[in-house]
Amino acid sequence: MDSQINEIKSRIDVVEVIGGYVRLQKAGANWRANCPFHNERTPSFMVSPSRQVWRCFGSCGEGGDVFSFLMKIEGIEFVDALKILAQKAGVILKREDPKLKSERRKYCDISEMAAGFFEKNLETAAVGKEAKKYLKERGLKDETIKEFRLGWASESWDELLNFLIAKGYKAADVEKAGLAVKKQNENRWFDRFRGRIIFPIFDLHGQPIGFGGRIFKENADKEAKYLNSPQTFLYDKSKVLYGLNFAKQEIRRREKCVLVEGYMDLIMSHQDGLKHCVAVSGTALTPFQLAILKRYSDNLILAFDMDEAGQKAADRGIDLARNLGFNIRVLILPEGKDPADYALSHPCRLETEAETAKPIMEYYFEKVFHKFKADSAENKKEIAKILLPQIRQIPNQIEQAHWIAELAGRLGVREEVVIGELKRNREGNDVPSEIDEITRETAQKSPNKPREEVFGDHLVSLLLKHNLHFDVIRDFDFSPLKNFTFALALEHFKKSDGEF
């Protein structure tokens, strides 16, 4: 492996690779630029072509070779950087399974062809033109539609399938790519996406790996508003954040990330200038997605819809992100609008609004006191019941004391009463553990999910939060969990020599 790494380094010019991300200027025998990993006015980032290394002489002090640069700028692991640079250098990695490589290439090609097919339909098909007109009425510009490669899937049962078969692919391959569905008990397939506006979902490098489809005609009988690709060889919705390929460098530069709920929220936010923005689509926020975001920034702004579902999603996101050590704020837009609608009605204002995002305790206080008036003993009890567990999780004693005083003042009681209740709940035998509490809350939000699956989801979060080594949990028997997410995490631990 070392010989292959050295061969890649000998074929790759660090100046060329870094120059693809930052604007380099000649400085004698070296090159310089503003550091892409922190904000600065005077260039302190230096690249040495003779030594094939880079270093920031500013506040971050980062440095290394071409591998470390790609890992940091893209937020990827060494093995991913190795594959990217090997392909760029024309080096075949000996350990890579040729069969798996061939499979991945095949499904990448199918997804790329499908994306192009949908794009063309949006421009040329009669109903596709209507769909494009609708997108423009929603506020999207032509250049935005092209940038995000939006498309149209006709109402035909097999138009895409026949197109891909004509390109030499089997119907079974199209099914495995998530683009076709096989009829039960029949050797026949039909297109998964029909009569929908198509949103390609990209990996970190801009390769289409999945698709989301929005129904165009609202009166379509019993059709779900959104339809997403199933899990495939390329696509796992629990590990993908929509728009991260567009936002990753801006998130790192701004040192914060805005998280929204849907495709249109994300696209309209980017068009409006909020470039450090990604979306969860087709799934609730997962520990895996947060672990990916943490490679770029520890600062997270949740900008979910403020309806009941959106507030529940925000609360769950806060719980997960807090477990992973994020600094969290919540953005509540005026009039309760979602980011897409707000960007349409108030152009060029989203970025300014994002700066007003509330710290999580302000968000919780505002939400609870909006729901309950502190005008009765029963309401005061309910308010304390909701807010005390949140105050308890604050690690800084000064900040905790501030919110104790705030709660006491708004309830009209002495601080000693709130402190006593806080201690009583903490020491009481009936207070559930952190795992029991979150398992219970998550189970309430997912009543159809078995308890062992809920526990497995939370255990993944704890592993990520505390950076546990696999040796710590190697001897435990987790077989009763039967949890897909946890099984994936364990498999990852084993393959990565015990580290996540």
Protein backbone atom coordinates (compact mmCIF):
# COMPACT_ATOMS: atom_id res chain seq x y z
CA MET A 1 0.00 0.00 0.00
CA ASP A 2 2.85 2.41 0.85
CA SER A 3 4.31 1.95 -2.62
CA GLN A 4 0.94 2.81 -4.18
CA ILE A 5 0.64 5.93 -2.02
CA ASN A 6 4.12 7.03 -3.06
CA GLU A 7 3.28 6.33 -6.70
CA ILE A 8 0.16 8.49 -6.44
CA LYS A 9 2.17 11.30 -4.83
CA SER A 10 4.76 11.12 -7.60
CA ARG A 11 2.07 11.53 -10.27
CA ILE A 12 -0.02 14.20 -8.53
CA ASP A 13 0.93 17.88 -8.30
CA VAL A 14 -0.20 19.31 -4.97
CA VAL A 15 -0.39 22.78 -6.56
CA GLU A 16 -2.82 21.54 -9.21
CA VAL A 17 -5.06 19.79 -6.67
CA ILE A 18 -5.16 22.69 -4.19
CA GLY A 19 -5.56 25.17 -7.06
CA GLY A 20 -8.85 23.48 -7.86
CA TYR A 21 -10.22 24.70 -4.52
CA VAL A 22 -8.51 28.03 -3.79
CA ARG A 23 -7.07 30.84 -5.89
CA LEU A 24 -3.29 30.47 -5.63
CA GLN A 25 -0.82 33.28 -6.32
CA LYS A 26 2.87 32.83 -7.11
CA ALA A 27 5.15 33.81 -4.23
CA GLY A 28 8.74 33.15 -5.26
CA ALA A 29 9.28 29.42 -5.50
CA ASN A 30 6.01 28.76 -3.65
CA TRP A 31 2.33 29.60 -3.97
CA ARG A 32 0.09 31.39 -1.48
CA ALA A 33 -3.62 32.02 -0.83
CA ASN A 34 -6.12 32.91 1.85
CA CYS A 35 -6.51 29.83 4.01
CA PRO A 36 -9.67 27.88 3.07
CA PHE A 37 -9.97 26.55 6.62
CA HIS A 38 -10.47 29.84 8.47
CA ASN A 39 -11.38 33.44 7.68
CA GLU A 40 -8.46 35.79 7.07
CA ARG A 41 -7.66 38.93 5.09
CA THR A 42 -3.91 38.48 4.61
CA PRO A 43 -2.82 35.28 2.81
CA SER A 44 -1.03 32.91 5.17
CA PHE A 45 -1.65 29.64 3.33
CA MET A 46 1.50 28.41 1.53
CA VAL A 47 2.03 25.56 -0.94
CA SER A 48 5.49 24.21 -1.75
CA PRO A 49 5.72 22.47 -5.16
CA SER A 50 9.26 21.27 -4.47
CA ARG A 51 8.29 19.53 -1.23
CA GLN A 52 4.69 18.79 -2.32
CA VAL A 53 3.31 20.06 0.99
CA TRP A 54 1.07 22.87 2.24
CA ARG A 55 0.80 24.79 5.50
CA CYS A 56 -1.20 27.63 7.02
CA PHE A 57 0.96 30.07 8.97
CA GLY A 58 -2.15 31.79 10.31
CA SER A 59 -4.46 30.98 13.19
CA CYS A 60 -5.40 27.40 12.27
CA GLY A 61 -1.83 26.14 11.69
CA GLU A 62 -3.02 23.24 9.54
CA GLY A 63 -0.68 21.53 7.11
CA GLY A 64 0.29 18.31 5.38
CA ASP A 65 0.44 16.62 1.99
CA VAL A 66 -2.04 16.29 -0.86
CA PHE A 67 -3.93 13.52 0.97
CA SER A 68 -4.45 15.54 4.16
CA PHE A 69 -5.60 18.56 2.15
CA LEU A 70 -8.22 16.59 0.24
CA MET A 71 -9.43 14.89 3.43
CA LYS A 72 -9.86 18.22 5.20
CA ILE A 73 -11.36 20.26 2.35
CA GLU A 74 -13.81 17.49 1.35
CA GLY A 75 -14.49 16.19 4.85
CA ILE A 76 -13.66 12.61 3.86
CA GLU A 77 -11.64 9.73 5.30
CA PHE A 78 -8.21 8.64 4.04
CA VAL A 79 -9.56 5.69 2.08
CA ASP A 80 -11.88 8.00 0.11
CA ALA A 81 -9.07 10.47 -0.59
CA LEU A 82 -6.93 7.55 -1.72
CA LYS A 83 -9.55 6.41 -4.23
CA ILE A 84 -10.07 9.93 -5.62
CA LEU A 85 -6.36 10.65 -6.05
CA ALA A 86 -5.67 7.15 -7.40
CA GLN A 87 -8.25 7.71 -10.12
CA LYS A 88 -6.80 11.15 -10.86
CA ALA A 89 -3.28 9.70 -11.04
CA GLY A 90 -4.30 6.66 -13.08
CA VAL A 91 -3.16 4.23 -10.38
CA ILE A 92 -5.12 0.99 -9.92
CA LEU A 93 -5.44 0.13 -6.24
CA LYS A 94 -4.54 -3.52 -5.73
CA ARG A 95 -6.88 -4.07 -2.80
CA GLU A 96 -9.94 -2.76 -4.59
CA ASP A 97 -12.30 -5.51 -5.64
CA PRO A 98 -12.62 -5.18 -9.45
CA LYS A 99 -16.15 -6.60 -9.28
CA LEU A 100 -17.30 -3.98 -6.75
CA LYS A 101 -15.59 -1.24 -8.73
CA SER A 102 -17.36 -2.40 -11.88
CA GLU A 103 -20.72 -2.53 -10.06
CA ARG A 104 -20.30 0.98 -8.69
CA ARG A 105 -19.32 2.31 -12.11
CA LYS A 106 -22.37 0.66 -13.68
CA TYR A 107 -24.83 2.19 -11.21
CA CYS A 108 -23.10 5.57 -11.41
CA ASP A 109 -23.50 5.47 -15.18
CA ILE A 110 -27.18 4.49 -14.92
CA SER A 111 -27.85 7.31 -12.44
CA GLU A 112 -26.01 9.84 -14.61
CA MET A 113 -27.92 8.79 -17.73
CA ALA A 114 -31.22 8.97 -15.84
CA ALA A 115 -30.40 12.46 -14.56
CA GLY A 116 -29.64 13.61 -18.09
CA PHE A 117 -32.83 11.98 -19.37
CA PHE A 118 -34.96 13.77 -16.77
CA GLU A 119 -33.21 17.09 -17.46
CA LYS A 120 -33.95 16.85 -21.17
CA ASN A 121 -37.60 16.00 -20.46
CA LEU A 122 -38.00 19.15 -18.39
CA GLU A 123 -36.82 21.24 -21.35
CA THR A 124 -38.49 19.45 -24.25
CA ALA A 125 -41.55 17.44 -23.12
CA ALA A 126 -44.87 19.30 -23.23
CA VAL A 127 -45.77 18.56 -19.60
CA GLY A 128 -42.10 19.02 -18.68
CA LYS A 129 -42.32 22.61 -19.87
CA GLU A 130 -45.39 23.07 -17.67
CA ALA A 131 -43.43 21.67 -14.73
CA LYS A 132 -40.58 24.08 -15.43
CA LYS A 133 -43.06 26.96 -15.55
CA TYR A 134 -44.33 25.85 -12.14
CA LEU A 135 -40.77 25.81 -10.75
CA LYS A 136 -40.20 29.34 -12.01
CA GLU A 137 -43.47 30.44 -10.41
CA ARG A 138 -42.09 29.00 -7.16
CA GLY A 139 -39.16 31.39 -7.59
CA LEU A 140 -36.45 29.28 -9.22
CA LYS A 141 -34.29 30.89 -11.89
CA ASP A 142 -33.12 29.12 -15.06
CA GLU A 143 -29.52 28.97 -13.84
CA THR A 144 -30.63 27.45 -10.52
CA ILE A 145 -32.68 24.78 -12.29
CA LYS A 146 -29.61 23.90 -14.36
CA GLU A 147 -27.21 23.99 -11.40
CA PHE A 148 -29.29 21.52 -9.39
CA ARG A 149 -30.08 19.50 -12.55
CA LEU A 150 -33.84 19.42 -11.96
CA GLY A 151 -35.83 17.26 -14.33
CA TRP A 152 -39.16 15.77 -15.27
CA ALA A 153 -40.37 12.14 -15.23
CA SER A 154 -43.26 11.65 -17.62
CA GLU A 155 -46.40 9.73 -16.72
CA SER A 156 -45.34 6.86 -18.99
CA TRP A 157 -44.97 3.52 -17.24
CA ASP A 158 -41.68 2.57 -18.89
CA GLU A 159 -40.16 5.53 -20.77
CA LEU A 160 -36.97 5.70 -18.69
CA LEU A 161 -36.71 1.92 -18.46
CA ASN A 162 -36.85 1.54 -22.26
CA PHE A 163 -34.30 4.35 -22.67
CA LEU A 164 -31.81 2.62 -20.36
CA ILE A 165 -32.43 -0.82 -21.89
CA ALA A 166 -31.66 0.72 -25.29
CA LYS A 167 -28.35 1.90 -23.79
CA GLY A 168 -27.46 -1.71 -23.00
CA TYR A 169 -28.60 -2.12 -19.39
CA LYS A 170 -30.82 -4.87 -18.04
CA ALA A 171 -34.15 -4.12 -16.38
CA ALA A 172 -32.83 -5.77 -13.21
CA ASP A 173 -29.90 -3.31 -13.19
CA VAL A 174 -32.28 -0.37 -13.48
CA GLU A 175 -34.25 -1.82 -10.56
CA LYS A 176 -31.09 -2.15 -8.45
CA ALA A 177 -30.28 1.47 -9.24
CA GLY A 178 -33.62 2.39 -7.65
CA LEU A 179 -35.19 3.61 -10.88
CA ALA A 180 -37.53 0.72 -11.70
CA VAL A 181 -39.94 -1.48 -9.77
CA LYS A 182 -40.59 -5.14 -10.53
CA LYS A 183 -44.21 -6.26 -10.68
CA GLN A 184 -45.00 -8.81 -8.01
CA ASN A 185 -44.92 -12.41 -9.26
CA GLU A 186 -44.16 -11.19 -12.79
CA ASN A 187 -41.01 -10.80 -14.82
CA ARG A 188 -41.96 -7.22 -15.74
CA TRP A 189 -40.74 -3.83 -14.57
CA PHE A 190 -42.04 -0.25 -14.63
CA ASP A 191 -40.55 3.18 -13.90
CA ARG A 192 -40.43 4.15 -10.23
CA PHE A 193 -40.79 7.88 -10.95
CA ARG A 194 -43.77 8.92 -13.07
CA GLY A 195 -45.47 12.30 -13.42
CA ARG A 196 -43.00 13.96 -11.05
CA ILE A 197 -40.54 16.83 -10.91
CA ILE A 198 -37.17 15.20 -10.30
CA PHE A 199 -34.49 16.33 -7.84
CA PRO A 200 -31.22 14.42 -8.34
CA ILE A 201 -29.45 13.63 -5.06
CA PHE A 202 -25.66 13.94 -5.30
CA ASP A 203 -22.69 12.52 -3.45
CA LEU A 204 -19.93 14.82 -2.19
CA HIS A 205 -18.40 15.01 -5.66
CA GLY A 206 -21.58 15.89 -7.56
CA GLN A 207 -22.32 12.38 -8.87
CA PRO A 208 -26.07 11.57 -8.94
CA ILE A 209 -26.65 8.62 -6.59
CA GLY A 210 -30.40 8.87 -5.96
CA PHE A 211 -33.49 10.86 -6.83
CA GLY A 212 -36.43 12.57 -5.20
CA GLY A 213 -39.66 13.15 -7.10
CA ARG A 214 -42.38 15.69 -6.31
CA ILE A 215 -45.86 15.13 -7.66
CA PHE A 216 -46.70 17.88 -10.15
CA LYS A 217 -50.47 17.73 -10.40
CA GLU A 218 -51.85 18.16 -6.89
CA ASN A 219 -55.04 16.27 -7.72
CA ALA A 220 -53.17 13.07 -8.56
CA ASP A 221 -55.20 10.26 -6.99
CA LYS A 222 -53.72 8.96 -3.74
CA GLU A 223 -50.15 9.74 -4.79
CA ALA A 224 -47.60 10.64 -2.13
CA LYS A 225 -46.41 14.23 -2.53
CA TYR A 226 -42.77 13.11 -2.48
CA LEU A 227 -41.20 9.85 -3.57
CA ASN A 228 -37.53 9.04 -2.95
CA SER A 229 -35.10 6.43 -4.18
CA PRO A 230 -34.95 3.27 -2.05
CA GLN A 231 -31.68 2.15 -0.50
CA THR A 232 -29.34 1.04 -3.28
CA PHE A 233 -25.71 0.16 -3.92
CA LEU A 234 -24.99 3.91 -4.17
CA TYR A 235 -27.64 5.54 -2.00
CA ASP A 236 -28.37 5.28 1.72
CA LYS A 237 -30.70 8.09 2.77
CA SER A 238 -29.51 7.91 6.40
CA LYS A 239 -26.00 8.89 5.31
CA VAL A 240 -26.69 11.52 2.66
CA LEU A 241 -27.38 15.24 3.09
CA TYR A 242 -28.98 16.93 0.11
CA GLY A 243 -26.90 19.82 -1.21
CA LEU A 244 -23.72 19.07 0.76
CA ASN A 245 -21.75 18.88 -2.50
CA PHE A 246 -22.69 22.52 -3.14
CA ALA A 247 -22.34 23.72 0.46
CA LYS A 248 -19.32 21.94 1.95
CA GLN A 249 -16.69 24.60 1.27
CA GLU A 250 -18.97 27.46 2.33
CA ILE A 251 -19.85 25.61 5.56
CA ARG A 252 -16.16 25.30 6.36
CA ARG A 253 -15.49 28.94 5.43
CA ARG A 254 -18.43 30.27 7.45
CA GLU A 255 -17.79 27.79 10.28
CA LYS A 256 -21.49 26.97 10.56
CA CYS A 257 -24.20 25.03 8.76
CA VAL A 258 -27.90 25.75 8.27
CA LEU A 259 -30.03 22.60 8.14
CA VAL A 260 -33.42 22.69 6.38
CA GLU A 261 -36.05 20.04 5.68
CA GLY A 262 -36.71 19.72 1.97
CA TYR A 263 -35.44 20.04 -1.59
CA MET A 264 -37.13 23.36 -2.36
CA ASP A 265 -36.07 24.85 0.98
CA LEU A 266 -32.47 23.98 0.17
CA ILE A 267 -32.49 25.16 -3.44
CA MET A 268 -34.27 28.45 -2.72
CA SER A 269 -31.91 29.09 0.21
CA HIS A 270 -28.86 28.62 -2.00
CA GLN A 271 -30.34 30.83 -4.71
CA ASP A 272 -31.06 33.49 -2.08
CA GLY A 273 -27.41 33.53 -0.97
CA LEU A 274 -27.56 31.15 1.99
CA LYS A 275 -24.85 28.89 0.57
CA HIS A 276 -23.86 27.15 3.83
CA CYS A 277 -27.10 25.18 3.84
CA VAL A 278 -27.96 21.47 3.50
CA ALA A 279 -31.19 19.47 3.77
CA VAL A 280 -32.46 16.22 5.19
CA SER A 281 -34.84 14.70 2.67
CA GLY A 282 -36.82 11.51 2.87
CA THR A 283 -35.68 10.75 6.42
CA ALA A 284 -35.46 12.15 9.92
CA LEU A 285 -32.05 13.51 10.88
CA THR A 286 -29.67 10.65 11.75
CA PRO A 287 -26.46 10.34 13.81
CA PHE A 288 -24.61 9.38 10.62
CA GLN A 289 -25.64 12.62 8.89
CA LEU A 290 -24.55 14.65 11.90
CA ALA A 291 -21.21 12.83 11.99
CA ILE A 292 -20.67 13.89 8.37
CA LEU A 293 -21.57 17.51 9.17
CA LYS A 294 -19.21 17.54 12.13
CA ARG A 295 -16.28 17.12 9.74
CA TYR A 296 -17.05 20.61 8.46
CA SER A 297 -18.34 22.55 11.47
CA ASP A 298 -19.46 22.23 15.09
CA ASN A 299 -22.02 25.01 14.70
CA LEU A 300 -25.50 24.03 13.54
CA ILE A 301 -28.58 26.15 12.81
CA LEU A 302 -31.85 24.23 12.50
CA ALA A 303 -34.32 25.91 10.13
CA PHE A 304 -37.18 23.42 10.07
CA ASP A 305 -40.83 24.22 9.38
CA MET A 306 -42.61 25.46 12.49
CA ASP A 307 -45.66 23.23 12.10
CA GLU A 308 -46.09 20.38 14.60
CA ALA A 309 -44.07 17.94 12.50
CA GLY A 310 -41.30 20.48 11.98
CA GLN A 311 -41.07 21.25 15.70
CA LYS A 312 -40.84 17.56 16.52
CA ALA A 313 -38.08 17.19 13.93
CA ALA A 314 -36.27 20.19 15.42
CA ASP A 315 -36.52 18.75 18.94
CA ARG A 316 -35.17 15.39 17.80
CA GLY A 317 -32.39 17.13 15.86
CA ILE A 318 -31.44 19.12 18.95
CA ASP A 319 -31.25 15.95 21.05
CA LEU A 320 -29.03 14.15 18.55
CA ALA A 321 -26.81 17.15 17.79
CA ARG A 322 -26.37 17.97 21.47
CA ASN A 323 -25.22 14.38 22.09
CA LEU A 324 -22.56 14.87 19.42
CA GLY A 325 -21.28 18.14 20.87
CA PHE A 326 -22.71 20.63 18.37
CA ASN A 327 -23.35 24.26 19.23
CA ILE A 328 -27.01 24.55 18.22
CA ARG A 329 -29.30 27.41 17.31
CA VAL A 330 -32.84 27.39 15.95
CA LEU A 331 -34.03 29.71 13.18
CA ILE A 332 -37.69 30.72 13.34
CA LEU A 333 -38.60 32.78 10.28
CA PRO A 334 -41.20 35.59 10.45
CA GLU A 335 -44.82 34.59 9.90
CA GLY A 336 -43.85 30.96 10.50
CA LYS A 337 -42.79 30.58 6.86
CA ASP A 338 -40.47 27.86 5.63
CA PRO A 339 -37.19 28.93 3.97
CA ALA A 340 -38.49 28.44 0.40
CA ASP A 341 -41.59 30.59 0.89
CA TYR A 342 -39.67 33.22 2.85
CA ALA A 343 -36.99 33.50 0.14
CA LEU A 344 -39.75 33.97 -2.45
CA SER A 345 -41.60 36.69 -0.53
CA HIS A 346 -38.52 38.38 0.98
CA PRO A 347 -35.61 38.06 -1.51
CA CYS A 348 -32.04 38.35 -0.22
CA ARG A 349 -33.13 38.30 3.43
CA LEU A 350 -32.49 34.70 4.46
CA GLU A 351 -28.83 35.17 5.33
CA THR A 352 -29.69 38.15 7.54
CA GLU A 353 -32.44 36.17 9.24
CA ALA A 354 -30.05 33.26 9.84
CA GLU A 355 -27.94 35.57 11.99
CA THR A 356 -30.94 35.95 14.34
CA ALA A 357 -31.18 32.22 15.07
CA LYS A 358 -31.94 31.59 18.73
CA PRO A 359 -29.83 29.53 21.15
CA ILE A 360 -31.64 26.31 21.99
CA MET A 361 -32.69 27.40 25.49
CA GLU A 362 -34.30 30.57 24.12
CA TYR A 363 -36.09 28.39 21.57
CA TYR A 364 -37.38 26.01 24.25
CA PHE A 365 -38.48 28.82 26.57
CA GLU A 366 -40.29 30.63 23.77
CA LYS A 367 -42.03 27.46 22.60
CA VAL A 368 -43.12 26.30 26.07
CA PHE A 369 -44.35 29.69 27.27
CA HIS A 370 -46.25 30.09 24.02
CA LYS A 371 -48.02 26.79 24.70
CA PHE A 372 -48.65 27.31 28.44
CA LYS A 373 -49.49 30.47 30.33
CA ALA A 374 -47.88 30.58 33.76
CA ASP A 375 -51.20 31.45 35.39
CA SER A 376 -51.95 28.28 37.31
CA ALA A 377 -50.13 25.76 39.46
CA GLU A 378 -50.87 23.02 36.92
CA ASN A 379 -49.43 25.00 34.01
CA LYS A 380 -46.37 25.99 36.01
CA LYS A 381 -45.81 22.33 36.83
CA GLU A 382 -46.03 21.41 33.11
CA ILE A 383 -43.64 24.21 32.15
CA ALA A 384 -41.08 23.08 34.73
CA LYS A 385 -41.52 19.45 33.68
CA ILE A 386 -40.51 20.32 30.11
CA LEU A 387 -37.78 22.87 30.79
CA LEU A 388 -35.94 21.41 33.78
CA PRO A 389 -34.53 18.43 31.81
CA GLN A 390 -33.21 20.91 29.22
CA ILE A 391 -31.62 23.11 31.90
CA ARG A 392 -30.09 20.02 33.48
CA GLN A 393 -28.20 19.23 30.27
CA ILE A 394 -26.38 22.59 30.24
CA PRO A 395 -22.75 21.79 31.13
CA ASN A 396 -21.70 25.34 32.06
CA GLN A 397 -22.81 26.25 35.59
CA ILE A 398 -22.98 29.99 34.90
CA GLU A 399 -25.24 29.45 31.90
CA GLN A 400 -27.30 26.95 33.88
CA ALA A 401 -27.70 29.47 36.71
CA HIS A 402 -28.91 32.06 34.19
CA TRP A 403 -31.70 29.81 32.97
CA ILE A 404 -32.64 28.74 36.48
CA ALA A 405 -33.12 32.42 37.32
CA GLU A 406 -35.06 32.97 34.08
CA LEU A 407 -37.40 30.07 34.80
CA ALA A 408 -37.92 31.13 38.42
CA GLY A 409 -38.73 34.69 37.38
CA ARG A 410 -41.21 33.67 34.71
CA LEU A 411 -42.92 31.17 37.02
CA GLY A 412 -43.03 33.67 39.88
CA VAL A 413 -41.16 31.44 42.34
CA ARG A 414 -37.86 31.72 44.21
CA GLU A 415 -34.71 30.36 42.53
CA GLU A 416 -34.21 27.99 45.48
CA VAL A 417 -37.48 26.29 44.56
CA VAL A 418 -36.31 25.66 40.98
CA ILE A 419 -32.89 24.46 42.18
CA GLY A 420 -34.55 22.14 44.68
CA GLU A 421 -36.81 20.69 42.00
CA LEU A 422 -33.83 20.27 39.69
CA LYS A 423 -31.92 18.35 42.38
CA ARG A 424 -34.95 16.32 43.40
CA ASN A 425 -35.57 15.16 39.86
CA ARG A 426 -31.90 14.39 39.35
CA GLU A 427 -31.67 12.32 42.54
CA GLY A 428 -35.12 10.74 42.37
CA ASN A 429 -35.33 7.01 41.83
CA ASP A 430 -38.10 7.46 39.29
CA VAL A 431 -35.98 9.59 36.96
CA PRO A 432 -34.97 7.53 33.91
CA SER A 433 -31.39 7.29 32.72
CA GLU A 434 -30.29 9.21 29.62
CA ILE A 435 -30.71 6.12 27.47
CA ASP A 436 -34.12 5.26 28.98
CA GLU A 437 -35.33 8.84 28.59
CA ILE A 438 -34.29 9.25 24.96
CA THR A 439 -35.41 5.73 24.12
CA ARG A 440 -38.84 6.53 25.60
CA GLU A 441 -39.11 9.87 23.78
CA THR A 442 -37.98 8.38 20.48
CA ALA A 443 -40.36 5.47 20.91
CA GLN A 444 -43.23 7.92 21.39
CA LYS A 445 -42.28 9.64 18.14
CA SER A 446 -41.88 6.28 16.35
CA PRO A 447 -44.56 4.10 17.99
CA ASN A 448 -44.24 1.38 15.35
CA LYS A 449 -40.49 0.96 15.84
CA PRO A 450 -39.44 -1.83 18.28
CA ARG A 451 -37.76 -0.68 21.49
CA GLU A 452 -34.52 -2.51 20.63
CA GLU A 453 -34.30 -0.57 17.34
CA VAL A 454 -34.83 2.73 19.15
CA PHE A 455 -32.12 1.80 21.64
CA GLY A 456 -29.77 0.86 18.79
CA ASP A 457 -30.27 4.25 17.13
CA HIS A 458 -29.38 6.02 20.36
CA LEU A 459 -26.38 3.75 20.97
CA VAL A 460 -24.96 4.82 17.60
CA SER A 461 -25.30 8.42 18.76
CA LEU A 462 -23.40 7.67 21.98
CA LEU A 463 -20.60 5.91 20.09
CA LEU A 464 -20.18 8.94 17.85
CA LYS A 465 -20.40 11.39 20.73
CA HIS A 466 -17.73 9.76 22.86
CA ASN A 467 -15.45 8.55 20.00
CA LEU A 468 -15.47 5.05 21.49
CA HIS A 469 -13.03 2.46 20.19
CA PHE A 470 -14.48 -0.87 19.12
CA ASP A 471 -12.44 -2.65 21.83
CA VAL A 472 -14.69 -0.98 24.42
CA ILE A 473 -17.76 -2.78 23.12
CA ARG A 474 -16.16 -5.82 21.45
CA ASP A 475 -17.25 -8.33 24.13
CA PHE A 476 -20.86 -7.17 24.42
CA ASP A 477 -23.63 -9.26 22.91
CA PHE A 478 -25.73 -6.92 20.77
CA SER A 479 -27.55 -9.65 18.86
CA PRO A 480 -30.93 -8.91 20.52
CA LEU A 481 -30.93 -5.39 19.06
CA LYS A 482 -31.55 -6.47 15.46
CA ASN A 483 -31.02 -2.86 14.45
CA PHE A 484 -29.91 -2.10 10.90
CA THR A 485 -28.33 1.26 11.72
CA PHE A 486 -26.39 -0.19 14.64
CA ALA A 487 -25.31 -3.21 12.59
CA LEU A 488 -23.88 -0.85 9.96
CA ALA A 489 -22.04 1.08 12.65
CA LEU A 490 -20.53 -2.10 14.13
CA GLU A 491 -19.46 -3.25 10.69
CA HIS A 492 -17.82 0.12 10.09
CA PHE A 493 -16.01 -0.11 13.44
CA LYS A 494 -14.63 -3.53 12.57
CA LYS A 495 -13.46 -2.54 9.10
CA SER A 496 -11.82 0.68 10.28
CA ASP A 497 -9.63 -1.02 12.92
CA GLY A 498 -11.99 -0.09 15.70
CA GLU A 499 -12.38 3.63 15.14
CA PHE A 500 -15.37 5.42 13.71
